[in-house]
Amino acid sequence: MENKGQVGVQPHLEMGPLDDGAMHDHDDECLYSSEMDAQKTNPIHSNQPVLFPDLPVGGNKMTRNGVYRSIKTVVFSNKLNLLMPFGPLAIMVHKMSASNGWVFFLSLLGITPLAERLGYATEQLAFFTGPTVGGLLNATFGNATELIISIYALKSGMTRVVQLSLLGSILSNMLLVLGWAFFCGGLVHYGKEQVFSKATAVVNSGLLLMAVMGLLFPAVLHYTHTERQVGKSELALSRFSSCIMLLAYVAYLVFQLKSQKDTYVPVGEEGSLNGENDDDDDEAPEISKWESVIWLAIMTAWISILSDYLVDTIQGASDAWNVPIAFISVILLPIIGNAAEHASAIMFAMKDKLDISLGVAIGSSTQISMFGIPFCVVIGWIMGQEMDLNFQLFETATLFITVIVVAFFLQEGTSNYFKGLMLILCYLIVAASFFVHEDPSAADQSKQPKT
């Protein structure tokens, strides 16, 4: 009987835990089924806390607050935006009077904060697209002002203005922007030699020399009078070279973004490799992704409107101020268009992030020379405008010497305030040269009738 009792008790002892687990499972199933029944009977109230936890009762009020916050962040957070009213004022002066000099000056002032805010919106968008794509977007939209002005000038048949403004953008980025970045970075980090990637500098210098080659041969062909078909061979060579340069730029993008990720450290990842990303951890986007896209569209459209007035009054401003068109196109326009790059390059250099400063300054020059200029040649081809790569002898020689000088400054992979000062002084020499240089073809081409 004792054995029988033990046998009778043992199954209960062994099955006890299983029964308890089954009871717990049964309880969970009951709770789950009760929740599902509640959701079936009242689906709206049960789902609303799950799907829309942050949705307030007043949706319209939230939207208004979001729009107000976005406008306050983008428009009222920078003192440079005090120049924004000069844009509408330029349009009013154009409608009320025929003072081309004032319209040009006011349009120039109005475009300045727009170019800077365009760079700001691009940087905000880079938080969501990633550092590599963000760096490409920064270079692209940083040059958007020059490209927009160039397209409007092409539409007006002012091909010489297009050539000079794009040339000025390259010179401004390579000498003025990079020079100020080296100078300010060297002063902040006085007594220390700042370092940047030599691999990136070498490849960009090579691309700039290739761009010089593309611009040099049509000019040499023209001035040696060795064209097989006068007036046609030069244009045909320019269009063919432009297609090759565009192909080379696409290959460069693939090389930079895909093939050589380890060699070309993307923007934002450089500090993490060196263990210096403590300051970047606190950085966060100030506006959302779609707000960045909307502001990019607004700024681009407004720049396009002012660029139309700017291009139409270049000749009048040149006559009113007694300043050569070459100086206005090569010096004044690029300084305004490069406002975003100028500020960004100096800021990153002062944070001892020279690779990013180099990418902003030299990267923008590379993009203008290998993409912007060939792109304008192709667009002029489509428009029926004879835009070519013959930038004339004086301008081509200036670009060639500038590329050689900057390549020598970059070959060591180090910088200091003295190198920056030398680049700035070189830019002053270039500016003075264009102030006393009279371009014989600029006046004639700027007076061509609009097509």
Protein backbone atom coordinates (compact mmCIF):
# COMPACT_ATOMS: atom_id res chain seq x y z
CA MET A 1 0.00 0.00 0.00
CA GLU A 2 2.88 2.27 0.69
CA ASN A 3 4.24 1.67 -2.74
CA LYS A 4 0.88 2.22 -4.23
CA GLY A 5 0.50 5.48 -2.41
CA GLN A 6 3.87 6.63 -3.57
CA VAL A 7 3.01 5.70 -7.09
CA GLY A 8 -0.20 7.62 -6.85
CA VAL A 9 1.48 10.73 -5.51
CA GLN A 10 4.43 10.79 -7.90
CA PRO A 11 2.50 11.55 -11.06
CA HIS A 12 0.95 14.56 -9.41
CA LEU A 13 4.34 15.82 -8.31
CA GLU A 14 5.75 15.40 -11.82
CA MET A 15 2.80 16.89 -13.60
CA GLY A 16 2.36 19.76 -11.22
CA PRO A 17 4.71 22.21 -12.93
CA LEU A 18 3.30 21.35 -16.32
CA ASP A 19 -0.19 22.05 -15.12
CA ASP A 20 0.91 25.38 -13.65
CA GLY A 21 2.52 26.38 -16.99
CA ALA A 22 -0.58 25.35 -18.81
CA MET A 23 -2.65 27.44 -16.45
CA HIS A 24 -0.43 30.45 -17.08
CA ASP A 25 -0.70 29.93 -20.82
CA HIS A 26 -4.42 29.62 -20.48
CA ASP A 27 -4.53 32.87 -18.50
CA ASP A 28 -2.44 34.65 -21.15
CA GLU A 29 -4.71 33.37 -23.87
CA CYS A 30 -7.72 34.61 -21.99
CA LEU A 31 -6.18 38.04 -21.52
CA TYR A 32 -5.15 38.20 -25.19
CA SER A 33 -8.61 37.13 -26.35
CA SER A 34 -10.24 39.70 -24.07
CA GLU A 35 -8.03 42.44 -25.56
CA MET A 36 -8.87 41.31 -29.08
CA ASP A 37 -12.57 41.33 -28.22
CA ALA A 38 -12.24 44.85 -26.86
CA GLN A 39 -10.49 45.97 -30.06
CA LYS A 40 -13.20 44.40 -32.19
CA THR A 41 -15.96 46.10 -30.25
CA ASN A 42 -14.24 49.52 -30.19
CA PRO A 43 -11.44 49.56 -32.78
CA ILE A 44 -10.98 53.32 -32.99
CA HIS A 45 -10.35 53.96 -29.31
CA SER A 46 -8.18 50.89 -28.89
CA ASN A 47 -5.91 51.62 -31.87
CA GLN A 48 -5.56 55.36 -31.45
CA PRO A 49 -3.13 55.27 -28.53
CA VAL A 50 -0.98 52.69 -30.35
CA LEU A 51 -0.78 54.21 -33.84
CA PHE A 52 -0.93 57.91 -32.97
CA PRO A 53 0.58 58.32 -29.52
CA ASP A 54 1.83 61.85 -30.17
CA LEU A 55 -1.15 63.24 -32.06
CA PRO A 56 -2.65 66.15 -30.12
CA VAL A 57 -6.25 67.11 -30.18
CA GLY A 58 -5.55 70.33 -32.10
CA GLY A 59 -3.76 69.12 -35.25
CA ASN A 60 -4.05 72.47 -37.02
CA LYS A 61 -2.46 74.23 -34.08
CA MET A 62 0.45 71.80 -34.14
CA THR A 63 0.94 72.44 -37.86
CA ARG A 64 0.92 76.19 -37.36
CA ASN A 65 3.42 75.89 -34.52
CA GLY A 66 5.64 73.68 -36.69
CA VAL A 67 5.59 76.16 -39.57
CA TYR A 68 6.32 79.05 -37.22
CA ARG A 69 9.20 77.13 -35.61
CA SER A 70 10.66 76.24 -39.02
CA ILE A 71 10.47 79.85 -40.26
CA LYS A 72 12.00 81.09 -37.02
CA THR A 73 14.87 78.59 -37.29
CA VAL A 74 15.68 79.17 -40.97
CA VAL A 75 14.84 82.85 -41.51
CA PHE A 76 15.33 84.58 -38.17
CA SER A 77 18.30 82.66 -36.75
CA ASN A 78 21.02 84.30 -38.85
CA LYS A 79 21.99 87.97 -38.89
CA LEU A 80 22.92 87.71 -42.57
CA ASN A 81 19.22 87.24 -43.33
CA LEU A 82 18.75 90.95 -42.67
CA LEU A 83 19.77 91.32 -46.33
CA MET A 84 16.78 89.28 -47.57
CA PRO A 85 14.47 92.32 -48.06
CA PHE A 86 16.90 93.67 -50.67
CA GLY A 87 15.63 91.00 -53.08
CA PRO A 88 12.04 92.30 -53.28
CA LEU A 89 13.44 95.83 -53.20
CA ALA A 90 15.49 95.07 -56.32
CA ILE A 91 12.33 93.94 -58.13
CA MET A 92 10.51 97.13 -57.06
CA VAL A 93 13.38 99.35 -58.26
CA HIS A 94 13.43 97.49 -61.58
CA LYS A 95 9.70 98.05 -62.05
CA MET A 96 9.77 101.71 -61.03
CA SER A 97 13.00 102.92 -62.66
CA ALA A 98 15.66 101.99 -65.20
CA SER A 99 18.62 102.18 -62.81
CA ASN A 100 20.43 98.98 -63.76
CA GLY A 101 23.28 99.67 -61.38
CA TRP A 102 21.00 99.78 -58.34
CA VAL A 103 19.01 96.73 -59.48
CA PHE A 104 22.21 94.75 -59.90
CA PHE A 105 23.55 95.86 -56.52
CA LEU A 106 20.30 95.11 -54.68
CA SER A 107 19.93 91.73 -56.42
CA LEU A 108 23.48 90.88 -55.41
CA LEU A 109 22.73 91.72 -51.78
CA GLY A 110 19.45 89.80 -51.89
CA ILE A 111 21.10 86.64 -53.25
CA THR A 112 23.83 86.65 -50.57
CA PRO A 113 21.71 85.34 -47.63
CA LEU A 114 19.82 82.98 -49.94
CA ALA A 115 23.07 81.31 -50.99
CA GLU A 116 24.06 80.91 -47.33
CA ARG A 117 20.66 79.51 -46.34
CA LEU A 118 20.80 77.12 -49.28
CA GLY A 119 23.97 75.69 -47.78
CA TYR A 120 22.32 75.54 -44.36
CA ALA A 121 19.33 73.57 -45.65
CA THR A 122 21.71 71.20 -47.43
CA GLU A 123 23.66 70.59 -44.22
CA GLN A 124 20.40 69.85 -42.40
CA LEU A 125 19.40 67.38 -45.09
CA ALA A 126 22.82 65.70 -44.76
CA PHE A 127 21.84 64.54 -41.26
CA PHE A 128 19.23 62.27 -42.85
CA THR A 129 21.00 61.21 -46.06
CA GLY A 130 24.24 60.16 -44.43
CA PRO A 131 27.68 61.80 -44.46
CA THR A 132 28.83 60.68 -47.91
CA VAL A 133 25.69 61.67 -49.80
CA GLY A 134 25.47 64.75 -47.60
CA GLY A 135 28.92 65.88 -48.66
CA LEU A 136 27.94 65.48 -52.32
CA LEU A 137 24.70 67.40 -51.76
CA ASN A 138 26.63 70.15 -49.99
CA ALA A 139 28.97 70.61 -52.94
CA THR A 140 26.13 70.43 -55.47
CA PHE A 141 23.75 72.91 -53.83
CA GLY A 142 26.70 75.06 -52.81
CA ASN A 143 27.30 75.63 -56.52
CA ALA A 144 23.60 75.93 -57.35
CA THR A 145 23.71 79.73 -57.33
CA GLU A 146 26.46 79.88 -59.97
CA LEU A 147 24.73 77.27 -62.13
CA ILE A 148 21.38 79.08 -61.97
CA ILE A 149 23.02 82.39 -62.92
CA SER A 150 24.86 80.62 -65.75
CA ILE A 151 21.68 79.09 -67.18
CA TYR A 152 19.91 82.46 -67.21
CA ALA A 153 22.96 84.04 -68.86
CA LEU A 154 22.98 81.30 -71.50
CA LYS A 155 19.30 81.90 -72.12
CA SER A 156 20.14 85.56 -72.76
CA GLY A 157 22.97 84.64 -75.11
CA MET A 158 25.66 85.93 -72.72
CA THR A 159 28.04 82.99 -73.10
CA ARG A 160 31.04 85.09 -72.13
CA VAL A 161 29.46 85.97 -68.79
CA VAL A 162 28.89 82.25 -68.19
CA GLN A 163 32.53 81.46 -68.88
CA LEU A 164 33.82 84.22 -66.64
CA SER A 165 31.47 83.54 -63.73
CA LEU A 166 32.31 79.82 -63.68
CA LEU A 167 36.02 80.60 -63.92
CA GLY A 168 35.65 83.07 -61.06
CA SER A 169 33.91 80.43 -58.95
CA ILE A 170 36.87 78.07 -59.37
CA LEU A 171 39.41 80.79 -58.54
CA SER A 172 37.38 81.99 -55.55
CA ASN A 173 37.08 78.51 -54.04
CA MET A 174 40.70 77.56 -54.60
CA LEU A 175 42.33 80.79 -53.43
CA LEU A 176 39.94 82.84 -51.29
CA VAL A 177 37.82 80.15 -49.56
CA LEU A 178 40.69 77.70 -49.00
CA GLY A 179 43.01 80.55 -48.05
CA TRP A 180 40.70 81.89 -45.37
CA ALA A 181 40.14 78.34 -44.07
CA PHE A 182 43.88 77.75 -43.73
CA PHE A 183 44.42 81.20 -42.24
CA CYS A 184 41.66 81.05 -39.61
CA GLY A 185 42.38 77.42 -38.74
CA GLY A 186 46.06 78.23 -38.35
CA LEU A 187 45.36 81.16 -36.04
CA VAL A 188 42.97 79.19 -33.83
CA HIS A 189 45.43 76.28 -33.63
CA TYR A 190 48.51 78.51 -33.43
CA GLY A 191 51.80 76.62 -33.10
CA LYS A 192 50.26 73.44 -34.49
CA GLU A 193 50.45 72.23 -38.07
CA GLN A 194 47.04 71.04 -39.20
CA VAL A 195 46.91 67.84 -41.25
CA PHE A 196 44.59 66.68 -44.04
CA SER A 197 44.44 63.67 -46.36
CA LYS A 198 47.02 63.87 -49.12
CA ALA A 199 45.19 61.20 -51.15
CA THR A 200 42.10 63.38 -51.52
CA ALA A 201 44.17 66.44 -52.39
CA VAL A 202 46.17 64.57 -55.04
CA VAL A 203 43.07 63.21 -56.80
CA ASN A 204 41.32 66.59 -56.78
CA SER A 205 44.46 68.29 -58.08
CA GLY A 206 44.61 65.75 -60.88
CA LEU A 207 40.99 66.41 -61.83
CA LEU A 208 41.62 70.16 -61.84
CA LEU A 209 44.61 69.67 -64.14
CA MET A 210 42.41 67.56 -66.42
CA ALA A 211 39.90 70.43 -66.49
CA VAL A 212 42.71 72.83 -67.39
CA MET A 213 43.64 70.48 -70.23
CA GLY A 214 40.06 70.56 -71.50
CA LEU A 215 40.07 74.37 -71.46
CA LEU A 216 43.60 74.74 -72.80
CA PHE A 217 43.37 72.86 -76.09
CA PRO A 218 40.45 74.85 -77.60
CA ALA A 219 42.24 78.09 -76.69
CA VAL A 220 45.51 76.88 -78.21
CA LEU A 221 43.65 75.71 -81.30
CA HIS A 222 42.09 79.15 -81.65
CA TYR A 223 45.22 81.25 -81.12
CA THR A 224 47.50 79.10 -83.29
CA HIS A 225 44.97 79.29 -86.17
CA THR A 226 45.30 75.56 -86.81
CA GLU A 227 41.60 74.69 -87.07
CA ARG A 228 40.65 72.47 -89.97
CA GLN A 229 37.29 74.22 -90.14
CA VAL A 230 37.49 77.78 -88.84
CA GLY A 231 34.81 78.46 -86.23
CA LYS A 232 33.60 74.84 -86.19
CA SER A 233 36.52 72.68 -85.06
CA GLU A 234 36.91 74.67 -81.85
CA LEU A 235 33.24 74.26 -80.95
CA ALA A 236 33.19 70.56 -81.90
CA LEU A 237 36.30 69.89 -79.77
CA SER A 238 34.70 71.74 -76.84
CA ARG A 239 31.52 69.69 -77.00
CA PHE A 240 33.42 66.41 -77.31
CA SER A 241 35.75 67.33 -74.42
CA SER A 242 32.75 68.36 -72.30
CA CYS A 243 31.17 64.92 -72.71
CA ILE A 244 34.48 63.29 -71.74
CA MET A 245 34.79 65.54 -68.68
CA LEU A 246 31.25 64.71 -67.57
CA LEU A 247 32.05 61.01 -67.94
CA ALA A 248 35.22 61.48 -65.90
CA TYR A 249 33.27 63.27 -63.17
CA VAL A 250 30.73 60.43 -62.95
CA ALA A 251 33.63 57.97 -62.69
CA TYR A 252 35.12 60.12 -59.94
CA LEU A 253 31.85 60.00 -57.98
CA VAL A 254 31.73 56.21 -58.27
CA PHE A 255 35.37 56.03 -57.25
CA GLN A 256 34.83 58.27 -54.25
CA LEU A 257 31.50 56.93 -53.01
CA LYS A 258 31.89 53.21 -53.76
CA SER A 259 35.39 51.99 -54.54
CA GLN A 260 37.56 53.97 -52.10
CA LYS A 261 35.52 54.36 -48.94
CA ASP A 262 38.54 53.65 -46.74
CA THR A 263 40.79 56.16 -48.50
CA TYR A 264 38.21 58.94 -48.66
CA VAL A 265 36.81 59.28 -45.17
CA PRO A 266 33.23 60.58 -45.45
CA VAL A 267 32.11 63.77 -43.76
CA GLY A 268 31.32 63.12 -40.11
CA GLU A 269 33.17 59.79 -39.88
CA GLU A 270 36.67 61.27 -39.85
CA GLY A 271 36.45 62.31 -36.23
CA SER A 272 35.29 58.86 -35.14
CA LEU A 273 38.34 57.25 -36.73
CA ASN A 274 40.66 59.60 -34.85
CA GLY A 275 38.67 59.45 -31.63
CA GLU A 276 37.77 63.13 -31.89
CA ASN A 277 34.05 62.98 -32.33
CA ASP A 278 33.11 64.08 -28.83
CA ASP A 279 31.92 67.45 -30.06
CA ASP A 280 29.88 65.94 -32.87
CA ASP A 281 27.78 63.76 -30.59
CA ASP A 282 25.75 66.76 -29.53
CA GLU A 283 25.02 67.87 -33.10
CA ALA A 284 21.47 67.21 -34.23
CA PRO A 285 19.28 68.46 -37.08
CA GLU A 286 17.39 71.65 -36.32
CA ILE A 287 14.69 71.01 -38.94
CA SER A 288 13.18 67.80 -40.30
CA LYS A 289 14.02 66.10 -43.59
CA TRP A 290 10.95 67.34 -45.45
CA GLU A 291 11.39 70.84 -44.07
CA SER A 292 14.92 70.79 -45.51
CA VAL A 293 13.61 69.70 -48.92
CA ILE A 294 10.89 72.37 -48.92
CA TRP A 295 13.35 75.11 -47.93
CA LEU A 296 15.77 73.96 -50.63
CA ALA A 297 13.00 74.32 -53.22
CA ILE A 298 11.98 77.76 -51.89
CA MET A 299 15.54 79.10 -51.81
CA THR A 300 16.34 77.73 -55.27
CA ALA A 301 13.22 79.30 -56.78
CA TRP A 302 13.91 82.68 -55.16
CA ILE A 303 17.54 82.61 -56.31
CA SER A 304 16.32 81.83 -59.84
CA ILE A 305 14.04 84.90 -59.83
CA LEU A 306 16.76 87.24 -58.59
CA SER A 307 19.33 85.71 -60.96
CA ASP A 308 17.18 86.77 -63.90
CA TYR A 309 17.30 90.42 -62.74
CA LEU A 310 20.99 90.10 -61.93
CA VAL A 311 21.96 88.86 -65.40
CA ASP A 312 19.80 91.43 -67.19
CA THR A 313 21.52 94.33 -65.39
CA ILE A 314 25.18 93.23 -65.58
CA GLN A 315 25.92 95.37 -68.63
CA GLY A 316 24.11 98.39 -67.16
CA ALA A 317 25.99 98.03 -63.87
CA SER A 318 29.28 97.81 -65.75
CA ASP A 319 28.52 101.03 -67.60
CA ALA A 320 27.18 102.84 -64.52
CA TRP A 321 30.10 101.91 -62.27
CA ASN A 322 32.76 102.01 -64.99
CA VAL A 323 33.88 98.52 -63.92
CA PRO A 324 34.82 95.82 -66.49
CA ILE A 325 32.33 93.01 -66.97
CA ALA A 326 35.21 90.59 -66.46
CA PHE A 327 35.76 91.92 -62.92
CA ILE A 328 32.04 91.72 -62.09
CA SER A 329 31.74 88.18 -63.45
CA VAL A 330 35.00 86.74 -62.11
CA ILE A 331 35.20 88.49 -58.72
CA LEU A 332 31.85 89.87 -57.51
CA LEU A 333 29.43 87.14 -58.59
CA PRO A 334 31.47 84.17 -57.26
CA ILE A 335 32.07 85.83 -53.88
CA ILE A 336 28.29 86.07 -53.43
CA GLY A 337 27.67 82.57 -54.77
CA ASN A 338 30.37 81.05 -52.55
CA ALA A 339 29.05 82.54 -49.32
CA ALA A 340 27.91 79.15 -48.03
CA GLU A 341 31.19 77.41 -48.89
CA HIS A 342 33.18 80.29 -47.40
CA ALA A 343 31.45 80.09 -44.03
CA SER A 344 31.46 76.26 -43.90
CA ALA A 345 35.14 75.90 -44.82
CA ILE A 346 36.25 78.40 -42.15
CA MET A 347 34.03 76.82 -39.49
CA PHE A 348 35.37 73.31 -40.08
CA ALA A 349 38.99 74.53 -40.24
CA MET A 350 38.59 76.23 -36.87
CA LYS A 351 37.32 72.89 -35.52
CA ASP A 352 40.51 71.24 -36.86
CA LYS A 353 38.58 69.31 -39.52
CA LEU A 354 40.64 70.31 -42.53
CA ASP A 355 39.59 67.31 -44.61
CA ILE A 356 36.05 68.66 -44.62
CA SER A 357 37.26 72.20 -45.39
CA LEU A 358 39.30 70.81 -48.26
CA GLY A 359 36.27 68.89 -49.51
CA VAL A 360 34.16 72.06 -49.43
CA ALA A 361 36.67 74.34 -51.18
CA ILE A 362 38.58 72.07 -53.55
CA GLY A 363 35.58 69.77 -53.98
CA SER A 364 33.46 72.70 -55.17
CA SER A 365 36.21 73.80 -57.57
CA THR A 366 36.44 70.26 -58.93
CA GLN A 367 32.69 70.07 -59.38
CA ILE A 368 32.51 73.40 -61.20
CA SER A 369 35.44 72.56 -63.50
CA MET A 370 34.50 68.95 -64.24
CA PHE A 371 30.72 69.24 -64.09
CA GLY A 372 29.53 72.87 -64.13
CA ILE A 373 31.49 74.06 -67.17
CA PRO A 374 30.85 70.94 -69.33
CA PHE A 375 27.21 70.96 -68.24
CA CYS A 376 26.81 74.55 -69.45
CA VAL A 377 28.44 73.63 -72.77
CA VAL A 378 25.91 70.81 -73.23
CA ILE A 379 22.99 73.02 -72.13
CA GLY A 380 24.13 75.72 -74.57
CA TRP A 381 24.32 73.05 -77.27
CA ILE A 382 20.70 72.15 -76.54
CA MET A 383 19.66 75.84 -76.50
CA GLY A 384 21.46 76.54 -79.76
CA GLN A 385 24.08 78.76 -78.08
CA GLU A 386 27.72 78.37 -79.15
CA MET A 387 29.14 77.94 -75.66
CA ASP A 388 32.65 76.48 -75.92
CA LEU A 389 35.68 75.78 -73.73
CA ASN A 390 37.80 78.57 -75.20
CA PHE A 391 38.03 80.86 -72.18
CA GLN A 392 40.55 83.11 -73.99
CA LEU A 393 44.28 83.20 -73.35
CA PHE A 394 44.36 85.48 -70.28
CA GLU A 395 41.68 83.56 -68.38
CA THR A 396 43.04 80.10 -69.25
CA ALA A 397 46.57 81.10 -68.17
CA THR A 398 45.18 82.45 -64.88
CA LEU A 399 43.40 79.17 -64.15
CA PHE A 400 46.45 77.09 -65.08
CA ILE A 401 48.79 79.06 -62.79
CA THR A 402 46.24 78.95 -59.94
CA VAL A 403 45.89 75.16 -60.14
CA ILE A 404 49.68 74.74 -60.11
CA VAL A 405 50.11 77.06 -57.10
CA VAL A 406 47.35 75.35 -55.07
CA ALA A 407 48.69 71.88 -55.98
CA PHE A 408 52.10 72.86 -54.55
CA PHE A 409 50.48 74.11 -51.35
CA LEU A 410 48.56 70.84 -50.93
CA GLN A 411 51.29 68.35 -51.73
CA GLU A 412 52.60 68.07 -48.14
CA GLY A 413 49.20 67.37 -46.60
CA THR A 414 49.68 70.08 -43.96
CA SER A 415 48.53 73.68 -43.53
CA ASN A 416 49.15 76.72 -41.36
CA TYR A 417 48.12 80.35 -41.24
CA PHE A 418 51.04 81.42 -43.47
CA LYS A 419 49.89 79.18 -46.33
CA GLY A 420 46.40 80.62 -45.97
CA LEU A 421 47.75 84.16 -46.08
CA MET A 422 49.70 83.38 -49.27
CA LEU A 423 46.56 82.04 -50.97
CA ILE A 424 44.57 85.14 -49.99
CA LEU A 425 47.29 87.43 -51.33
CA CYS A 426 47.36 85.43 -54.58
CA TYR A 427 43.62 86.01 -54.92
CA LEU A 428 44.13 89.76 -54.47
CA ILE A 429 46.62 89.69 -57.35
CA VAL A 430 44.08 87.83 -59.50
CA ALA A 431 41.34 90.32 -58.59
CA ALA A 432 43.56 93.28 -59.46
CA SER A 433 44.48 91.63 -62.78
CA PHE A 434 40.86 91.30 -63.81
CA PHE A 435 40.10 94.85 -62.69
CA VAL A 436 42.62 96.23 -65.20
CA HIS A 437 41.87 93.57 -67.85
CA GLU A 438 39.53 94.57 -70.67
CA ASP A 439 37.86 91.61 -72.29
CA PRO A 440 37.33 92.49 -75.96
CA SER A 441 34.51 90.00 -76.53
CA ALA A 442 32.50 90.51 -73.34
CA ALA A 443 30.76 93.71 -74.37
CA ASP A 444 29.84 92.38 -77.79
CA GLN A 445 28.42 89.11 -76.54
CA SER A 446 26.51 90.70 -73.66
CA LYS A 447 24.71 92.95 -76.12
CA GLN A 448 23.42 90.08 -78.22
CA PRO A 449 19.62 89.94 -78.48
CA LYS A 450 17.85 87.47 -76.25
CA THR A 451 16.71 84.22 -77.83
